[in-house]
């Protein structure tokens, strides 16, 4: 690995602003905001959405079918009995 061309990879505190969950991970991202976690000052990276708040991962995903396109497709191309 060449020296001084790679970004600094360090511990950061991720904060999901939707749910308020926080966890420590590693990233090359930084922040001016710092928080004390287990005796170490870590930069805080705020996330709008994460696996804890995304509808697909929380099981709250839904299919939007405002004009009945799915039903129309099933009628048109469905198997005939």
N, C-alpha and C. Protein backbone atom coordinates (compact mmCIF):
# COMPACT_ATOMS: atom_id res chain seq x y z
N UNK A 1 0.84 -1.17 0.00
CA UNK A 1 0.00 0.00 0.00
C UNK A 1 0.89 1.24 0.00
N UNK A 2 0.63 2.17 -0.86
CA UNK A 2 1.42 3.40 -0.92
C UNK A 2 1.08 4.31 0.25
N UNK A 3 2.10 4.92 0.78
CA UNK A 3 1.90 5.81 1.93
C UNK A 3 1.30 7.14 1.50
N UNK A 4 0.51 7.71 2.37
CA UNK A 4 -0.07 9.06 2.28
C UNK A 4 -1.01 9.29 1.09
N UNK A 5 -1.61 8.24 0.53
CA UNK A 5 -2.63 8.46 -0.51
C UNK A 5 -4.00 7.96 -0.07
N UNK A 6 -4.05 7.20 1.02
CA UNK A 6 -5.31 6.65 1.49
C UNK A 6 -5.88 7.51 2.61
N UNK A 7 -7.21 7.65 2.67
CA UNK A 7 -7.80 8.43 3.76
C UNK A 7 -7.66 7.71 5.10
N UNK A 8 -7.74 8.46 6.17
CA UNK A 8 -7.65 7.92 7.52
C UNK A 8 -8.90 7.09 7.84
N UNK A 9 -8.71 5.84 8.24
CA UNK A 9 -9.80 4.92 8.59
C UNK A 9 -9.82 4.82 10.11
N UNK A 10 -10.88 5.30 10.73
CA UNK A 10 -10.92 5.41 12.18
C UNK A 10 -12.33 5.10 12.70
N UNK A 11 -12.42 5.00 14.03
CA UNK A 11 -13.72 4.78 14.67
C UNK A 11 -14.55 6.05 14.60
N UNK A 12 -15.85 5.88 14.35
CA UNK A 12 -16.80 7.00 14.38
C UNK A 12 -18.07 6.54 15.08
N UNK A 13 -18.83 7.48 15.55
CA UNK A 13 -20.13 7.20 16.15
C UNK A 13 -21.20 7.55 15.12
N UNK A 14 -21.95 6.55 14.67
CA UNK A 14 -23.04 6.79 13.73
C UNK A 14 -24.31 7.07 14.54
N UNK A 15 -25.06 8.07 14.10
CA UNK A 15 -26.30 8.46 14.80
C UNK A 15 -27.41 8.55 13.76
N UNK A 16 -28.42 7.66 13.89
CA UNK A 16 -29.59 7.68 13.01
C UNK A 16 -30.57 8.70 13.58
N UNK A 17 -30.76 9.82 12.87
CA UNK A 17 -31.61 10.88 13.38
C UNK A 17 -33.09 10.51 13.34
N UNK A 18 -33.48 9.51 12.55
CA UNK A 18 -34.88 9.10 12.48
C UNK A 18 -35.31 8.35 13.74
N UNK A 19 -34.45 7.46 14.22
CA UNK A 19 -34.80 6.64 15.37
C UNK A 19 -34.06 7.00 16.64
N UNK A 20 -32.94 7.72 16.51
CA UNK A 20 -32.15 8.08 17.67
C UNK A 20 -31.12 7.03 18.05
N UNK A 21 -31.02 5.93 17.30
CA UNK A 21 -30.06 4.88 17.59
C UNK A 21 -28.64 5.37 17.31
N UNK A 22 -27.70 4.90 18.12
CA UNK A 22 -26.29 5.22 17.94
C UNK A 22 -25.48 3.94 18.03
N UNK A 23 -24.42 3.83 17.19
CA UNK A 23 -23.52 2.70 17.25
C UNK A 23 -22.14 3.14 16.76
N UNK A 24 -21.14 2.43 17.22
CA UNK A 24 -19.75 2.73 16.86
C UNK A 24 -19.36 1.83 15.70
N UNK A 25 -18.73 2.43 14.71
CA UNK A 25 -18.24 1.70 13.56
C UNK A 25 -16.97 2.35 13.04
N UNK A 26 -16.50 1.87 11.93
CA UNK A 26 -15.30 2.43 11.31
C UNK A 26 -15.66 3.09 10.00
N UNK A 27 -15.01 4.20 9.69
CA UNK A 27 -15.29 4.93 8.46
C UNK A 27 -14.14 5.89 8.16
N UNK A 28 -14.13 6.36 6.93
CA UNK A 28 -13.19 7.41 6.55
C UNK A 28 -13.83 8.79 6.69
N UNK A 29 -15.13 8.82 7.02
CA UNK A 29 -15.85 10.08 7.19
C UNK A 29 -15.41 10.75 8.50
N UNK A 30 -15.57 12.05 8.53
CA UNK A 30 -15.25 12.80 9.72
C UNK A 30 -16.34 13.81 10.02
N UNK A 31 -16.19 14.49 11.13
CA UNK A 31 -17.18 15.47 11.53
C UNK A 31 -16.54 16.43 12.52
N UNK A 32 -17.05 17.64 12.57
CA UNK A 32 -16.58 18.60 13.56
C UNK A 32 -17.18 18.31 14.94
N UNK A 33 -18.32 17.62 14.95
CA UNK A 33 -18.99 17.28 16.21
C UNK A 33 -18.32 16.05 16.82
N UNK A 34 -18.01 16.12 18.09
CA UNK A 34 -17.36 15.02 18.81
C UNK A 34 -18.24 14.60 19.98
N UNK A 35 -18.14 13.30 20.34
CA UNK A 35 -18.88 12.80 21.50
C UNK A 35 -18.00 11.80 22.23
N UNK A 36 -18.05 11.81 23.54
CA UNK A 36 -17.26 10.91 24.36
C UNK A 36 -17.96 9.56 24.46
N UNK A 37 -17.30 8.50 23.99
CA UNK A 37 -17.85 7.15 24.04
C UNK A 37 -16.77 6.22 24.56
N UNK A 38 -17.02 5.56 25.67
CA UNK A 38 -16.07 4.63 26.29
C UNK A 38 -14.69 5.27 26.49
N UNK A 39 -14.66 6.51 26.89
CA UNK A 39 -13.42 7.20 27.19
C UNK A 39 -12.67 7.74 25.98
N UNK A 40 -13.27 7.66 24.79
CA UNK A 40 -12.60 8.16 23.59
C UNK A 40 -13.51 9.17 22.91
N UNK A 41 -12.91 10.26 22.43
CA UNK A 41 -13.65 11.27 21.66
C UNK A 41 -13.79 10.76 20.23
N UNK A 42 -15.03 10.55 19.79
CA UNK A 42 -15.29 10.05 18.44
C UNK A 42 -16.07 11.09 17.64
N UNK A 43 -15.78 11.22 16.34
CA UNK A 43 -16.60 12.11 15.51
C UNK A 43 -17.99 11.50 15.31
N UNK A 44 -19.00 12.35 15.30
CA UNK A 44 -20.39 11.90 15.15
C UNK A 44 -20.80 12.09 13.69
N UNK A 45 -21.23 10.99 13.06
CA UNK A 45 -21.73 11.02 11.68
C UNK A 45 -23.23 10.82 11.75
N UNK A 46 -23.98 11.83 11.35
CA UNK A 46 -25.45 11.76 11.39
C UNK A 46 -25.98 11.17 10.09
N UNK A 47 -26.89 10.20 10.22
CA UNK A 47 -27.49 9.52 9.08
C UNK A 47 -28.99 9.83 9.04
N UNK A 48 -29.51 10.15 7.86
CA UNK A 48 -30.95 10.36 7.72
C UNK A 48 -31.70 9.04 7.76
N UNK A 49 -31.09 8.00 7.22
CA UNK A 49 -31.75 6.70 7.17
C UNK A 49 -30.68 5.62 7.28
N UNK A 50 -31.02 4.55 7.97
CA UNK A 50 -30.11 3.42 8.14
C UNK A 50 -30.94 2.14 8.11
N UNK A 51 -30.31 1.02 8.35
CA UNK A 51 -31.02 -0.25 8.35
C UNK A 51 -32.05 -0.31 9.48
N UNK A 52 -31.86 0.48 10.53
CA UNK A 52 -32.80 0.48 11.64
C UNK A 52 -34.05 1.30 11.36
N UNK A 53 -34.00 2.18 10.34
CA UNK A 53 -35.16 3.03 10.06
C UNK A 53 -35.67 2.89 8.63
N UNK A 54 -35.00 2.14 7.77
CA UNK A 54 -35.44 2.00 6.38
C UNK A 54 -36.65 1.08 6.31
N UNK A 55 -37.70 1.44 5.58
CA UNK A 55 -38.92 0.62 5.53
C UNK A 55 -38.68 -0.81 5.04
N UNK A 56 -37.75 -1.02 4.14
CA UNK A 56 -37.50 -2.38 3.65
C UNK A 56 -36.98 -3.28 4.77
N UNK A 57 -36.09 -2.77 5.59
CA UNK A 57 -35.48 -3.58 6.65
C UNK A 57 -36.36 -3.67 7.89
N UNK A 58 -37.25 -2.71 8.10
CA UNK A 58 -38.11 -2.76 9.29
C UNK A 58 -39.39 -3.53 9.04
N UNK A 59 -39.65 -3.91 7.78
CA UNK A 59 -40.86 -4.67 7.46
C UNK A 59 -42.07 -3.80 7.24
N UNK A 60 -41.90 -2.51 7.09
CA UNK A 60 -43.02 -1.60 6.90
C UNK A 60 -43.15 -1.14 5.45
N UNK A 61 -42.44 -1.84 4.54
CA UNK A 61 -42.52 -1.47 3.12
C UNK A 61 -43.90 -1.82 2.58
N UNK A 62 -44.35 -1.05 1.62
CA UNK A 62 -45.65 -1.32 1.01
C UNK A 62 -45.59 -0.98 -0.47
N UNK A 63 -46.44 -1.61 -1.22
CA UNK A 63 -46.50 -1.36 -2.65
C UNK A 63 -47.58 -0.31 -2.92
N UNK A 64 -47.22 0.72 -3.63
CA UNK A 64 -48.19 1.76 -3.97
C UNK A 64 -48.75 1.46 -5.36
N UNK A 65 -50.05 1.31 -5.44
CA UNK A 65 -50.71 1.02 -6.70
C UNK A 65 -51.93 1.92 -6.79
N UNK A 66 -51.70 3.17 -7.10
CA UNK A 66 -52.77 4.16 -7.07
C UNK A 66 -53.79 3.97 -8.18
N UNK A 67 -53.38 3.47 -9.33
CA UNK A 67 -54.30 3.39 -10.46
C UNK A 67 -54.73 1.96 -10.79
N UNK A 68 -54.43 1.01 -9.92
CA UNK A 68 -54.84 -0.37 -10.16
C UNK A 68 -54.06 -1.04 -11.28
N UNK A 69 -52.83 -0.64 -11.51
CA UNK A 69 -52.04 -1.18 -12.60
C UNK A 69 -51.71 -2.65 -12.39
N UNK A 70 -51.47 -3.05 -11.15
CA UNK A 70 -51.16 -4.45 -10.89
C UNK A 70 -52.37 -5.32 -11.20
N UNK A 71 -53.56 -4.91 -10.76
CA UNK A 71 -54.77 -5.68 -11.04
C UNK A 71 -55.06 -5.73 -12.53
N UNK A 72 -54.87 -4.60 -13.23
CA UNK A 72 -55.09 -4.56 -14.67
C UNK A 72 -54.11 -5.50 -15.39
N UNK A 73 -52.86 -5.54 -14.94
CA UNK A 73 -51.88 -6.43 -15.54
C UNK A 73 -52.28 -7.89 -15.32
N UNK A 74 -52.73 -8.23 -14.10
CA UNK A 74 -53.12 -9.61 -13.80
C UNK A 74 -54.34 -10.02 -14.63
N UNK A 75 -55.30 -9.10 -14.83
CA UNK A 75 -56.46 -9.41 -15.66
C UNK A 75 -56.06 -9.63 -17.11
N UNK A 76 -55.18 -8.81 -17.60
CA UNK A 76 -54.80 -8.86 -19.00
C UNK A 76 -53.91 -10.07 -19.31
N UNK A 77 -52.94 -10.35 -18.47
CA UNK A 77 -51.97 -11.38 -18.77
C UNK A 77 -52.04 -12.58 -17.83
N UNK A 78 -53.07 -12.64 -17.02
CA UNK A 78 -53.20 -13.77 -16.09
C UNK A 78 -53.59 -15.03 -16.85
N UNK A 79 -53.41 -16.16 -16.20
CA UNK A 79 -53.76 -17.43 -16.82
C UNK A 79 -55.27 -17.57 -16.93
N UNK A 80 -55.71 -18.11 -18.04
CA UNK A 80 -57.13 -18.33 -18.23
C UNK A 80 -57.48 -19.72 -17.73
N UNK A 81 -58.61 -19.81 -17.06
CA UNK A 81 -59.03 -21.10 -16.47
C UNK A 81 -59.85 -21.90 -17.47
